[in-house]
Protein backbone atom coordinates (compact mmCIF):
# COMPACT_ATOMS: atom_id res chain seq x y z
CA MET A 1 0.00 0.00 0.00
CA ALA A 2 1.40 3.38 -1.00
CA VAL A 3 1.67 6.21 1.51
CA ALA A 4 1.87 9.95 0.73
CA GLU A 5 3.94 12.03 3.14
CA LYS A 6 3.78 15.82 3.01
CA TYR A 7 7.32 17.20 3.07
CA LYS A 8 6.97 20.83 1.93
CA SER A 9 4.37 23.61 2.09
CA THR A 10 4.40 27.05 0.49
CA LEU A 11 2.08 29.96 1.23
CA GLN A 12 1.44 32.30 -1.69
CA LEU A 13 -0.31 35.66 -1.63
CA VAL A 14 -1.88 36.73 -4.91
CA LEU A 15 -1.90 40.54 -5.07
CA ASP A 16 -4.02 42.71 -7.35
CA GLU A 17 -1.80 44.81 -9.60
CA GLY A 18 -4.71 46.36 -11.51
CA ILE A 19 -5.81 46.16 -15.13
CA ASP A 20 -3.48 46.03 -18.13
CA PRO A 21 -4.44 49.10 -20.20
CA GLU A 22 -3.61 47.38 -23.50
CA SER A 23 -5.33 44.02 -23.04
CA GLY A 24 -7.88 44.91 -20.36
CA LYS A 25 -6.90 41.79 -18.39
CA GLN A 26 -6.29 41.60 -14.65
CA ILE A 27 -2.62 41.68 -13.58
CA PHE A 28 -1.46 39.74 -10.52
CA LYS A 29 1.75 39.80 -8.50
CA PHE A 30 2.77 36.91 -6.27
CA LYS A 31 4.51 36.84 -2.91
CA SER A 32 5.62 33.38 -1.78
CA PHE A 33 6.69 32.16 1.63
CA ASN A 34 8.64 28.88 1.69
CA ASN A 35 9.34 26.60 4.64
CA VAL A 36 5.79 26.82 5.98
CA LYS A 37 5.14 24.18 8.63
CA THR A 38 3.53 21.23 6.89
CA ASP A 39 1.09 20.73 9.76
CA ALA A 40 -0.16 24.35 9.73
CA THR A 41 -3.95 24.55 9.47
CA ALA A 42 -5.88 26.57 6.91
CA ASP A 43 -7.04 28.94 9.70
CA GLN A 44 -3.45 29.56 10.80
CA LEU A 45 -2.29 30.28 7.26
CA TYR A 46 -5.27 32.55 6.63
CA ALA A 47 -4.46 34.59 9.75
CA ILE A 48 -0.81 34.95 8.75
CA ALA A 49 -1.73 35.87 5.18
CA GLN A 50 -4.14 38.57 6.38
CA ALA A 51 -1.46 40.04 8.67
CA VAL A 52 1.20 40.05 5.95
CA ALA A 53 -1.23 41.39 3.34
CA GLY A 54 -1.67 44.51 5.46
CA LEU A 55 2.02 45.25 4.93
CA GLN A 56 1.83 45.03 1.13
CA GLU A 57 1.38 47.97 -1.24
CA ARG A 58 -1.12 46.07 -3.39
CA PRO A 59 -4.50 44.70 -2.23
CA LEU A 60 -4.84 40.98 -1.52
CA TYR A 61 -6.72 39.08 -4.23
CA SER A 62 -6.41 35.51 -2.93
CA ILE A 63 -4.41 33.14 -0.73
CA GLU A 64 -2.96 29.88 -2.02
CA ARG A 65 -1.23 26.93 -0.40
CA ASP A 66 0.99 24.55 -2.32
CA ASP A 67 1.83 21.22 -0.67
CA SER A 68 4.37 18.74 -1.99
CA PHE A 69 4.12 15.06 -1.16
CA GLU A 70 6.49 12.13 -1.45
CA ILE A 71 4.78 8.86 -2.29
CA GLN A 72 6.37 5.69 -1.00
CA GLY A 73 5.30 2.14 -1.64
């Protein structure tokens, strides 16, 4: 039976850069934080993201979490 073990988590803030005047499409900037504790809960990451977002020049658009797993058999 295979087992997936989480070994890395990254928190990413997606910031609103505005609208591209030529294409009319939304522009986003990303701020990533590596070495996030793999056992951090969604509530904990949300609280941290809200606190850090207040220090950014651009408004917060969304919060993303990227987890990496190692699968062993």
